[in-house]
């Protein structure tokens, strides 16, 4: 189930988001508008949701969060963008990566215990 939000996910929403992979949630975040679309089977699906909500392609990045280890990853095929000097699945720009990590912790503060 995909849930798109500009607010932190509730405990109940996180339970629904983890239905796809049990201990891992794929996330796609518009790092400029601060909107997260999560719970997708493929990052492309959440990317399309954000594009339909007026997000700009250059602001949308993919990754995920491991619910057991609380590790955040920055890996998605949607991140491959030679035009933005990102030639890897990984988010290579440290500023974008930092924004993505902070926003992931914001959206999943029930997991990280942050406010």
C-alpha atoms as a PDB file:
ATOM      1  CA  UNK A   1       0.000   0.000   0.000  1.00  0.00           C
ATOM      2  CA  UNK A   2       1.370   3.406  -0.967  1.00  0.00           C
ATOM      3  CA  UNK A   3       0.817   6.260   1.458  1.00  0.00           C
ATOM      4  CA  UNK A   4       1.916   9.764   0.501  1.00  0.00           C
ATOM      5  CA  UNK A   5       2.241  12.409   3.196  1.00  0.00           C
ATOM      6  CA  UNK A   6       3.830  15.676   4.205  1.00  0.00           C
ATOM      7  CA  UNK A   7       3.450  14.714   7.881  1.00  0.00           C
ATOM      8  CA  UNK A   8       5.126  11.981   9.939  1.00  0.00           C
ATOM      9  CA  UNK A   9       3.601   8.542   9.485  1.00  0.00           C
ATOM     10  CA  UNK A  10       1.526   7.192  12.360  1.00  0.00           C
ATOM     11  CA  UNK A  11       2.228   3.814  13.913  1.00  0.00           C
ATOM     12  CA  UNK A  12      -0.840   2.441  12.088  1.00  0.00           C
ATOM     13  CA  UNK A  13       0.383   3.825   8.747  1.00  0.00           C
ATOM     14  CA  UNK A  14       3.814   2.281   9.275  1.00  0.00           C
ATOM     15  CA  UNK A  15       2.124  -1.086   9.881  1.00  0.00           C
ATOM     16  CA  UNK A  16       0.351  -0.731   6.517  1.00  0.00           C
ATOM     17  CA  UNK A  17       3.520   0.445   4.749  1.00  0.00           C
ATOM     18  CA  UNK A  18       5.479  -2.623   5.830  1.00  0.00           C
ATOM     19  CA  UNK A  19       2.907  -5.011   4.316  1.00  0.00           C
ATOM     20  CA  UNK A  20       4.861  -5.064   1.028  1.00  0.00           C
ATOM     21  CA  UNK A  21       8.241  -6.276   2.373  1.00  0.00           C
ATOM     22  CA  UNK A  22       7.637  -6.860   6.129  1.00  0.00           C
ATOM     23  CA  UNK A  23      10.863  -5.339   7.520  1.00  0.00           C
ATOM     24  CA  UNK A  24      11.702  -2.874   4.750  1.00  0.00           C
ATOM     25  CA  UNK A  25       9.829   0.127   3.388  1.00  0.00           C
ATOM     26  CA  UNK A  26      10.710   1.664   0.039  1.00  0.00           C
ATOM     27  CA  UNK A  27      10.510   5.443   0.135  1.00  0.00           C
ATOM     28  CA  UNK A  28      10.498   8.196  -2.471  1.00  0.00           C
ATOM     29  CA  UNK A  29      10.911  11.715  -1.175  1.00  0.00           C
ATOM     30  CA  UNK A  30      10.559  15.113  -2.796  1.00  0.00           C
ATOM     31  CA  UNK A  31      13.408  16.749  -0.889  1.00  0.00           C
ATOM     32  CA  UNK A  32      12.256  20.270  -1.798  1.00  0.00           C
ATOM     33  CA  UNK A  33       8.506  19.991  -1.133  1.00  0.00           C
ATOM     34  CA  UNK A  34       9.149  17.645   1.831  1.00  0.00           C
ATOM     35  CA  UNK A  35       6.643  15.006   0.753  1.00  0.00           C
ATOM     36  CA  UNK A  36       7.173  11.250   1.121  1.00  0.00           C
ATOM     37  CA  UNK A  37       5.488   8.508  -0.866  1.00  0.00           C
ATOM     38  CA  UNK A  38       6.216   5.141   0.736  1.00  0.00           C
ATOM     39  CA  UNK A  39       5.193   1.501   0.703  1.00  0.00           C
ATOM     40  CA  UNK A  40       5.594   0.942  -3.034  1.00  0.00           C
ATOM     41  CA  UNK A  41       6.625  -2.288  -4.723  1.00  0.00           C
ATOM     42  CA  UNK A  42       8.842  -0.318  -7.124  1.00  0.00           C
ATOM     43  CA  UNK A  43      10.183   3.182  -6.509  1.00  0.00           C
ATOM     44  CA  UNK A  44       8.811   4.122  -9.918  1.00  0.00           C
ATOM     45  CA  UNK A  45       5.256   3.755  -8.550  1.00  0.00           C
ATOM     46  CA  UNK A  46       5.779   6.319  -5.787  1.00  0.00           C
ATOM     47  CA  UNK A  47       7.751   8.529  -8.164  1.00  0.00           C
ATOM     48  CA  UNK A  48       4.671   8.682 -10.417  1.00  0.00           C
ATOM     49  CA  UNK A  49       2.450   9.631  -7.459  1.00  0.00           C
ATOM     50  CA  UNK A  50       4.723  12.574  -6.619  1.00  0.00           C
ATOM     51  CA  UNK A  51       5.017  13.711 -10.239  1.00  0.00           C
ATOM     52  CA  UNK A  52       1.209  13.791 -10.463  1.00  0.00           C
ATOM     53  CA  UNK A  53       1.236  15.993  -7.346  1.00  0.00           C
ATOM     54  CA  UNK A  54       3.450  18.579  -9.086  1.00  0.00           C
ATOM     55  CA  UNK A  55       6.824  17.452  -7.779  1.00  0.00           C
ATOM     56  CA  UNK A  56       9.779  18.213 -10.028  1.00  0.00           C
ATOM     57  CA  UNK A  57      11.784  15.217 -11.254  1.00  0.00           C
ATOM     58  CA  UNK A  58      15.070  16.717 -10.070  1.00  0.00           C
ATOM     59  CA  UNK A  59      13.730  16.888  -6.488  1.00  0.00           C
ATOM     60  CA  UNK A  60      12.527  13.277  -6.252  1.00  0.00           C
ATOM     61  CA  UNK A  61      14.897  10.647  -4.839  1.00  0.00           C
ATOM     62  CA  UNK A  62      14.460   7.020  -3.801  1.00  0.00           C
ATOM     63  CA  UNK A  63      15.666   4.795  -1.023  1.00  0.00           C
ATOM     64  CA  UNK A  64      14.270   2.957   1.939  1.00  0.00           C
ATOM     65  CA  UNK A  65      14.339   2.147   5.586  1.00  0.00           C
ATOM     66  CA  UNK A  66      15.039  -1.191   7.283  1.00  0.00           C
ATOM     67  CA  UNK A  67      12.656  -1.465  10.221  1.00  0.00           C
ATOM     68  CA  UNK A  68      14.815  -3.938  12.148  1.00  0.00           C
ATOM     69  CA  UNK A  69      18.175  -2.172  11.927  1.00  0.00           C
ATOM     70  CA  UNK A  70      16.774   1.361  11.371  1.00  0.00           C
ATOM     71  CA  UNK A  71      19.300   1.703   8.553  1.00  0.00           C
ATOM     72  CA  UNK A  72      18.385   4.172   5.836  1.00  0.00           C
ATOM     73  CA  UNK A  73      19.533   3.423   2.317  1.00  0.00           C
ATOM     74  CA  UNK A  74      19.741   5.729  -0.662  1.00  0.00           C
ATOM     75  CA  UNK A  75      19.444   3.144  -3.413  1.00  0.00           C
ATOM     76  CA  UNK A  76      16.964   3.194  -6.300  1.00  0.00           C
ATOM     77  CA  UNK A  77      16.961   2.981 -10.071  1.00  0.00           C
ATOM     78  CA  UNK A  78      15.118   6.332 -10.139  1.00  0.00           C
ATOM     79  CA  UNK A  79      18.299   7.925  -8.770  1.00  0.00           C
ATOM     80  CA  UNK A  80      20.266   7.247 -11.961  1.00  0.00           C
ATOM     81  CA  UNK A  81      20.448  10.717 -13.506  1.00  0.00           C
ATOM     82  CA  UNK A  82      23.503  11.549 -15.552  1.00  0.00           C
ATOM     83  CA  UNK A  83      21.998  15.007 -16.236  1.00  0.00           C
ATOM     84  CA  UNK A  84      22.177  15.720 -12.505  1.00  0.00           C
ATOM     85  CA  UNK A  85      25.620  14.134 -12.237  1.00  0.00           C
ATOM     86  CA  UNK A  86      24.217  11.057 -10.436  1.00  0.00           C
ATOM     87  CA  UNK A  87      25.371   8.027 -12.405  1.00  0.00           C
ATOM     88  CA  UNK A  88      24.584   5.442  -9.739  1.00  0.00           C
ATOM     89  CA  UNK A  89      21.590   3.890  -7.990  1.00  0.00           C
ATOM     90  CA  UNK A  90      22.942   5.577  -4.851  1.00  0.00           C
ATOM     91  CA  UNK A  91      22.306   9.249  -4.115  1.00  0.00           C
ATOM     92  CA  UNK A  92      25.819  10.616  -4.624  1.00  0.00           C
ATOM     93  CA  UNK A  93      25.327  14.315  -3.811  1.00  0.00           C
ATOM     94  CA  UNK A  94      26.050  14.665  -0.080  1.00  0.00           C
ATOM     95  CA  UNK A  95      23.633  17.594   0.378  1.00  0.00           C
ATOM     96  CA  UNK A  96      20.766  15.691  -1.250  1.00  0.00           C
ATOM     97  CA  UNK A  97      21.708  12.572   0.729  1.00  0.00           C
ATOM     98  CA  UNK A  98      21.663  14.533   4.017  1.00  0.00           C
ATOM     99  CA  UNK A  99      18.253  16.034   3.184  1.00  0.00           C
ATOM    100  CA  UNK A 100      16.928  12.583   2.306  1.00  0.00           C
ATOM    101  CA  UNK A 101      18.184  11.112   5.574  1.00  0.00           C
ATOM    102  CA  UNK A 102      16.765  13.951   7.702  1.00  0.00           C
ATOM    103  CA  UNK A 103      13.405  13.741   5.953  1.00  0.00           C
ATOM    104  CA  UNK A 104      13.294   9.951   6.344  1.00  0.00           C
ATOM    105  CA  UNK A 105      13.849  10.377  10.083  1.00  0.00           C
ATOM    106  CA  UNK A 106      11.122  13.044  10.138  1.00  0.00           C
ATOM    107  CA  UNK A 107       8.565  10.867   8.324  1.00  0.00           C
ATOM    108  CA  UNK A 108       9.455   7.798  10.386  1.00  0.00           C
ATOM    109  CA  UNK A 109       9.927   9.505  13.745  1.00  0.00           C
ATOM    110  CA  UNK A 110       7.790   6.777  15.360  1.00  0.00           C
ATOM    111  CA  UNK A 111      10.646   4.439  14.429  1.00  0.00           C
ATOM    112  CA  UNK A 112      13.492   6.790  15.364  1.00  0.00           C
ATOM    113  CA  UNK A 113      11.871   8.331  18.445  1.00  0.00           C
ATOM    114  CA  UNK A 114      12.425  11.873  17.174  1.00  0.00           C
ATOM    115  CA  UNK A 115      10.004  14.763  17.176  1.00  0.00           C
END
